[in-house]
N, C-alpha and C. Protein backbone atom coordinates (compact mmCIF):
# COMPACT_ATOMS: atom_id res chain seq x y z
N MET A 1 -10.75 -6.60 21.90
CA MET A 1 -9.54 -6.99 20.59
C MET A 1 -9.06 -6.47 19.83
N HIS A 2 -8.94 -5.33 19.19
CA HIS A 2 -8.37 -5.20 18.62
C HIS A 2 -8.56 -5.74 16.67
N ARG A 3 -8.54 -4.92 15.38
CA ARG A 3 -8.97 -5.61 14.75
C ARG A 3 -7.92 -4.71 13.48
N ALA A 4 -6.71 -5.18 13.34
CA ALA A 4 -5.82 -4.79 12.36
C ALA A 4 -6.44 -4.75 10.43
N ILE A 5 -7.20 -3.09 10.55
CA ILE A 5 -6.72 -3.18 8.32
C ILE A 5 -5.83 -2.13 8.66
N VAL A 6 -6.00 -2.99 7.07
CA VAL A 6 -4.76 -2.64 6.56
C VAL A 6 -4.92 -1.94 4.88
N ARG A 7 -5.43 -1.25 4.67
CA ARG A 7 -5.22 -0.92 2.56
C ARG A 7 -3.71 0.06 2.21
N THR A 8 -3.16 -0.01 0.93
CA THR A 8 -2.27 0.58 0.61
C THR A 8 -2.42 2.08 -0.33
N PHE A 9 -2.29 2.44 -0.49
CA PHE A 9 -2.18 3.83 -1.42
C PHE A 9 -0.92 4.10 -2.53
N LYS A 10 -1.31 4.44 -3.88
CA LYS A 10 0.16 5.29 -4.73
C LYS A 10 0.14 5.77 -4.20
N HIS A 11 -0.48 6.90 -2.99
CA HIS A 11 0.58 8.13 -3.44
C HIS A 11 0.87 8.55 -1.65
N VAL A 12 0.93 8.98 -1.20
CA VAL A 12 1.55 9.05 0.13
C VAL A 12 1.26 10.57 0.89
N THR A 13 0.90 11.75 -0.70
CA THR A 13 -0.59 12.71 0.24
C THR A 13 -1.93 11.51 0.01
N ALA A 14 -2.43 10.64 -0.63
CA ALA A 14 -3.83 10.55 -0.15
C ALA A 14 -3.46 10.18 0.66
N ALA A 15 -2.19 9.15 1.63
CA ALA A 15 -2.38 8.42 3.05
C ALA A 15 -2.59 9.60 3.75
N GLU A 16 -2.25 10.22 3.92
CA GLU A 16 -1.80 11.70 4.93
C GLU A 16 -3.41 12.09 4.47
N GLN A 17 -3.53 12.15 3.64
CA GLN A 17 -5.49 12.79 3.50
C GLN A 17 -6.12 12.09 4.82
N VAL A 18 -6.01 10.34 4.47
CA VAL A 18 -7.18 9.31 5.04
C VAL A 18 -6.58 9.40 6.51
N ARG A 19 -5.30 9.38 6.52
CA ARG A 19 -4.77 9.25 8.01
C ARG A 19 -5.69 10.08 8.80
N VAL A 20 -5.99 12.03 8.51
CA VAL A 20 -5.90 13.15 8.67
C VAL A 20 -8.11 12.65 9.24
N GLU A 21 -8.20 12.15 8.01
CA GLU A 21 -9.92 12.04 8.27
C GLU A 21 -10.25 11.09 9.67
N LEU A 22 -9.12 9.58 9.51
CA LEU A 22 -9.30 9.13 10.42
C LEU A 22 -9.31 9.20 11.94
N LEU A 23 -8.43 10.39 11.97
CA LEU A 23 -8.04 11.02 13.15
C LEU A 23 -9.65 11.52 14.00
N ALA A 24 -9.81 12.32 12.53
CA ALA A 24 -11.06 13.20 12.87
C ALA A 24 -12.33 12.52 13.07
N ALA A 25 -12.36 10.81 12.71
CA ALA A 25 -13.17 10.39 12.85
C ALA A 25 -13.20 9.08 14.59
N GLY A 26 -12.50 9.60 15.04
CA GLY A 26 -12.69 9.75 16.06
C GLY A 26 -11.72 7.69 17.08
N ILE A 27 -10.48 8.06 15.51
CA ILE A 27 -9.71 6.73 16.13
C ILE A 27 -8.68 7.75 16.72
N ALA A 28 -7.19 6.82 17.10
CA ALA A 28 -6.38 7.07 17.98
C ALA A 28 -5.72 7.57 16.95
N ALA A 29 -4.38 8.40 17.61
CA ALA A 29 -3.33 8.93 16.71
C ALA A 29 -2.24 6.88 16.74
N ASP A 30 -2.16 7.11 18.19
CA ASP A 30 -2.17 5.48 17.77
C ASP A 30 -1.68 3.94 17.06
N ASP A 31 -3.37 4.42 16.74
CA ASP A 31 -3.45 3.56 16.06
C ASP A 31 -4.02 3.29 13.96
N VAL A 32 -2.98 4.24 14.24
CA VAL A 32 -3.49 4.36 12.66
C VAL A 32 -1.16 4.89 12.03
N ALA A 33 -1.20 3.69 11.25
CA ALA A 33 0.20 4.07 11.35
C ALA A 33 0.05 4.10 9.66
N ILE A 34 1.06 5.11 9.08
CA ILE A 34 1.81 4.86 6.81
C ILE A 34 3.08 4.63 7.91
N ASP A 35 3.21 3.42 6.89
CA ASP A 35 4.94 3.48 6.72
C ASP A 35 4.76 3.49 4.65
N VAL A 36 5.89 3.49 4.41
CA VAL A 36 6.26 3.77 2.94
C VAL A 36 7.36 2.99 2.87
N ARG A 37 7.07 2.00 0.69
CA ARG A 37 8.54 1.45 1.53
C ARG A 37 8.54 1.29 0.06
N VAL A 38 9.27 3.57 -0.06
CA VAL A 38 10.13 3.40 -1.22
C VAL A 38 10.31 4.80 -0.44
N ASP A 39 11.99 5.27 -1.13
CA ASP A 39 12.04 6.91 -0.33
C ASP A 39 12.20 7.73 -1.68
N GLU A 40 12.37 9.27 -1.68
CA GLU A 40 12.59 9.74 -3.28
C GLU A 40 13.48 9.47 -3.39
N SER A 41 14.54 8.75 -2.72
CA SER A 41 15.76 8.78 -3.87
C SER A 41 15.31 7.44 -4.73
N GLY A 42 14.35 6.90 -4.58
CA GLY A 42 14.10 5.43 -5.76
C GLY A 42 14.22 4.42 -5.94
N PRO A 43 14.39 3.37 -6.42
CA PRO A 43 14.76 2.32 -6.13
C PRO A 43 15.83 2.35 -6.15
N VAL A 44 16.45 0.76 -5.19
CA VAL A 44 17.72 1.05 -4.89
C VAL A 44 18.62 -0.26 -6.36
N GLN A 45 19.78 0.36 -6.73
CA GLN A 45 20.85 -0.58 -7.94
C GLN A 45 21.26 -0.74 -7.26
N GLY A 46 21.24 -1.57 -6.05
CA GLY A 46 22.63 -1.86 -5.17
C GLY A 46 23.98 -2.01 -5.48
N ASN A 47 24.26 -1.22 -3.76
CA ASN A 47 26.47 -2.01 -4.55
C ASN A 47 26.21 -3.83 -4.34
N PHE A 48 25.41 -4.69 -4.06
CA PHE A 48 25.89 -6.40 -4.43
C PHE A 48 25.16 -6.58 -5.06
N THR A 49 24.32 -6.28 -6.32
CA THR A 49 24.09 -6.21 -7.09
C THR A 49 25.27 -7.36 -7.88
N VAL A 50 25.27 -8.12 -9.46
CA VAL A 50 25.64 -8.91 -9.87
C VAL A 50 25.02 -8.97 -11.00
N GLY A 51 25.66 -9.26 -11.91
CA GLY A 51 25.06 -8.26 -13.82
C GLY A 51 26.17 -8.54 -14.60
N ASP A 52 25.87 -8.35 -15.64
CA ASP A 52 26.23 -8.12 -17.04
C ASP A 52 26.89 -7.16 -17.25
N SER A 53 28.10 -7.13 -17.88
CA SER A 53 29.18 -6.30 -18.25
C SER A 53 27.53 -5.55 -19.04
N PRO A 54 27.91 -3.75 -19.08
CA PRO A 54 26.96 -2.89 -19.73
C PRO A 54 27.43 -3.13 -21.53
N ALA A 55 28.50 -3.53 -21.89
CA ALA A 55 28.59 -3.61 -23.24
C ALA A 55 27.49 -5.03 -23.49
N VAL A 56 27.16 -5.56 -22.32
CA VAL A 56 26.13 -6.99 -23.15
C VAL A 56 24.38 -6.21 -24.16
N THR A 57 23.69 -7.69 -24.68
CA THR A 57 23.17 -6.80 -24.83
C THR A 57 21.33 -7.93 -24.61
N GLY A 58 21.24 -7.34 -24.73
CA GLY A 58 19.93 -8.41 -24.70
C GLY A 58 19.09 -8.32 -23.22
N LYS A 59 18.52 -9.29 -22.60
CA LYS A 59 17.53 -8.88 -20.83
C LYS A 59 18.36 -9.89 -20.39
N THR A 60 19.52 -9.21 -20.17
CA THR A 60 20.20 -9.41 -19.65
C THR A 60 21.47 -8.96 -19.75
N ALA A 61 21.50 -7.60 -20.85
CA ALA A 61 22.00 -6.41 -20.08
C ALA A 61 22.18 -5.74 -19.35
N TYR A 62 22.78 -5.00 -18.82
CA TYR A 62 22.86 -3.42 -17.61
C TYR A 62 21.25 -3.32 -18.69
N SER A 63 21.86 -2.39 -19.17
CA SER A 63 20.60 -1.44 -19.09
C SER A 63 18.93 -1.91 -19.17
N HIS A 64 19.32 -2.90 -19.47
CA HIS A 64 17.81 -4.03 -18.82
C HIS A 64 17.52 -3.96 -18.12
N THR A 65 18.37 -4.70 -17.45
CA THR A 65 18.50 -4.92 -15.79
C THR A 65 17.80 -3.83 -15.35
N TYR A 66 18.39 -2.66 -15.53
CA TYR A 66 18.17 -1.86 -14.68
C TYR A 66 17.19 -0.36 -15.06
N ALA A 67 16.74 -0.77 -16.13
CA ALA A 67 15.38 0.39 -16.62
C ALA A 67 14.76 0.96 -15.99
N PRO A 68 13.87 2.01 -16.32
CA PRO A 68 12.74 2.18 -14.94
C PRO A 68 11.93 1.33 -14.84
N VAL A 69 10.92 1.12 -14.29
CA VAL A 69 9.76 0.39 -14.66
C VAL A 69 8.29 1.08 -14.42
N ALA A 70 7.54 0.79 -14.97
CA ALA A 70 6.14 1.59 -15.00
C ALA A 70 5.96 0.75 -14.37
N GLN A 71 5.48 1.72 -12.91
CA GLN A 71 4.75 1.32 -11.92
C GLN A 71 3.45 1.75 -11.95
N GLU A 72 2.36 1.57 -12.07
CA GLU A 72 1.14 2.83 -12.00
C GLU A 72 0.67 0.93 -11.77
N ASP A 73 0.84 0.21 -11.29
CA ASP A 73 -0.10 -0.77 -10.01
C ASP A 73 0.36 -1.61 -8.75
N VAL A 74 1.96 0.11 -8.64
CA VAL A 74 2.20 -0.28 -7.07
C VAL A 74 1.40 0.68 -6.12
N HIS A 75 1.38 -0.25 -5.30
CA HIS A 75 1.18 0.62 -3.93
C HIS A 75 1.72 0.72 -3.65
N ASP A 76 3.23 1.92 -3.27
CA ASP A 76 4.11 1.53 -2.05
C ASP A 76 3.75 2.30 -0.64
N CYS A 77 3.14 2.45 -0.49
CA CYS A 77 2.14 3.40 0.80
C CYS A 77 0.81 3.01 1.44
N GLN A 78 1.25 2.61 3.38
CA GLN A 78 0.37 0.99 2.81
C GLN A 78 0.02 1.94 4.63
N VAL A 79 -1.60 2.02 4.79
CA VAL A 79 -1.66 2.19 6.15
C VAL A 79 -2.43 1.17 7.10
N THR A 80 -1.86 1.21 8.04
CA THR A 80 -2.63 0.09 9.66
C THR A 80 -3.72 0.37 9.98
N VAL A 81 -4.64 0.27 10.49
CA VAL A 81 -4.98 0.00 10.85
C VAL A 81 -5.71 -0.53 12.37
N SER A 82 -4.97 -0.37 13.48
CA SER A 82 -6.11 -0.84 14.44
C SER A 82 -7.04 -0.19 14.88
N ALA A 83 -8.51 -0.45 14.57
CA ALA A 83 -9.53 -0.08 15.61
C ALA A 83 -9.69 -1.22 16.50
N ALA A 84 -10.19 -0.42 17.86
CA ALA A 84 -10.53 -1.24 18.70
C ALA A 84 -12.02 -1.70 19.21
N ASP A 85 -12.78 -0.96 18.16
CA ASP A 85 -14.01 -2.29 18.36
C ASP A 85 -14.90 -1.95 16.95
N ALA A 86 -16.46 -2.35 16.91
CA ALA A 86 -16.46 -3.03 14.97
C ALA A 86 -17.41 -1.42 15.24
N ALA A 87 -17.23 -0.60 15.37
CA ALA A 87 -17.68 0.41 15.44
C ALA A 87 -17.11 1.52 14.47
N LEU A 88 -15.86 1.31 15.14
CA LEU A 88 -14.29 2.39 14.12
C LEU A 88 -13.62 1.02 13.66
N ALA A 89 -14.17 0.22 13.42
CA ALA A 89 -13.67 -0.44 11.75
C ALA A 89 -14.32 0.27 11.37
N GLU A 90 -16.31 -0.25 11.05
CA GLU A 90 -16.66 0.06 9.85
C GLU A 90 -16.78 1.35 9.87
N ARG A 91 -16.21 2.76 10.40
CA ARG A 91 -15.55 4.47 10.37
C ARG A 91 -14.67 4.10 9.21
N ALA A 92 -13.50 3.25 9.96
CA ALA A 92 -12.34 3.00 9.39
C ALA A 92 -12.50 2.68 8.10
N LEU A 93 -13.16 1.72 7.72
CA LEU A 93 -13.77 1.26 6.60
C LEU A 93 -13.58 1.77 5.41
N ALA A 94 -14.76 2.41 5.89
CA ALA A 94 -15.32 3.90 4.82
C ALA A 94 -15.14 4.85 4.56
N ILE A 95 -13.49 5.03 5.52
CA ILE A 95 -13.17 6.34 5.41
C ILE A 95 -11.65 5.20 4.17
N LEU A 96 -11.34 4.84 4.73
CA LEU A 96 -10.36 4.20 3.31
C LEU A 96 -11.04 3.23 2.29
N ASP A 97 -12.22 3.19 1.94
CA ASP A 97 -12.90 2.96 0.51
C ASP A 97 -13.35 3.12 0.72
N ARG A 98 -13.13 5.12 0.02
CA ARG A 98 -13.87 6.34 -0.55
C ARG A 98 -12.11 6.83 -0.86
N HIS A 99 -11.60 6.53 -0.17
CA HIS A 99 -10.34 7.11 -1.09
C HIS A 99 -9.76 5.75 -1.69
N GLY A 100 -10.00 4.93 -2.40
CA GLY A 100 -9.59 4.65 -2.96
C GLY A 100 -8.46 2.90 -2.18
N GLY A 101 -8.92 3.40 -1.43
CA GLY A 101 -7.73 1.64 -0.96
C GLY A 101 -7.72 0.52 -0.90
N HIS A 102 -6.06 -0.24 -1.52
CA HIS A 102 -6.38 -1.20 -2.32
C HIS A 102 -6.09 -2.48 -1.20
N ASP A 103 -7.39 -3.29 -1.13
CA ASP A 103 -6.85 -4.23 -0.48
C ASP A 103 -6.42 -5.40 -0.88
N PRO A 104 -4.79 -4.93 0.20
CA PRO A 104 -3.47 -6.28 -0.80
C PRO A 104 -4.15 -8.22 -0.41
N ASP A 105 -4.50 -8.07 0.25
CA ASP A 105 -4.57 -9.55 1.03
C ASP A 105 -5.88 -9.67 -0.21
N PRO A 106 -5.09 -10.91 -1.43
CA PRO A 106 -6.19 -11.80 -2.35
C PRO A 106 -7.41 -12.43 -1.81
N ALA A 107 -6.74 -12.83 -1.10
CA ALA A 107 -7.82 -13.93 -0.49
C ALA A 107 -9.47 -13.10 0.54
N HIS A 108 -9.01 -12.25 1.72
CA HIS A 108 -9.67 -11.01 1.75
C HIS A 108 -10.72 -10.73 0.35
N ALA A 109 -10.85 -9.85 -0.15
CA ALA A 109 -10.89 -9.22 -1.72
C ALA A 109 -11.49 -10.22 -2.32
N ALA A 110 -11.28 -11.69 -2.24
CA ALA A 110 -12.12 -12.60 -2.37
C ALA A 110 -13.87 -13.15 -2.30
N ALA A 111 -12.72 -12.55 -0.66
CA ALA A 111 -14.22 -13.07 0.61
C ALA A 111 -15.20 -12.39 0.36
N ILE A 112 -15.12 -10.87 0.80
CA ILE A 112 -15.52 -9.74 0.24
C ILE A 112 -16.88 -10.24 -1.44
N ALA A 113 -16.16 -10.07 -2.29
CA ALA A 113 -16.90 -9.89 -3.62
C ALA A 113 -18.05 -11.19 -3.44
N ALA A 114 -17.28 -12.24 -3.25
CA ALA A 114 -18.32 -13.06 -2.73
C ALA A 114 -19.97 -13.35 -1.89
N ARG A 115 -19.30 -12.60 -0.93
CA ARG A 115 -20.05 -12.00 0.26
C ARG A 115 -21.11 -11.35 -0.38
N GLU A 116 -20.49 -10.33 -1.59
CA GLU A 116 -21.27 -8.95 -1.60
C GLU A 116 -23.14 -9.97 -3.06
N THR A 117 -21.82 -11.28 -3.15
CA THR A 117 -22.79 -11.53 -4.73
C THR A 117 -24.12 -11.65 -3.50
N ARG A 118 -23.26 -12.56 -2.88
CA ARG A 118 -24.49 -13.26 -1.97
C ARG A 118 -26.23 -12.64 -1.09
N HIS A 119 -25.53 -11.71 -2.17
CA HIS A 119 -26.28 -10.54 -1.46
C HIS A 119 -27.61 -9.48 -1.75
């Protein structure tokens, strides 16, 4: 039974380096996927949005609504590993953690933290 492991990264280059190491560790190429949630053109300022006129001021102002947002905590690259067995899963986790992979599931992260406190 395959176990899916998901970690996110801030930059594509980190995700690509992780993939190289996962493949070198014996994980099949078909079992490693990288998904990027943004593209080089940046966030869409849509053709189908509704907003106030650019002349309006305050929080509903056009310039406020479409202002660039600091995204220090955003992890736009997701790496998913489908580990065929426990040994591969442990190898994958070690590589993902070494590169600073972020676990996007808060419940899973809380369970790991609780388990580590008990030991």
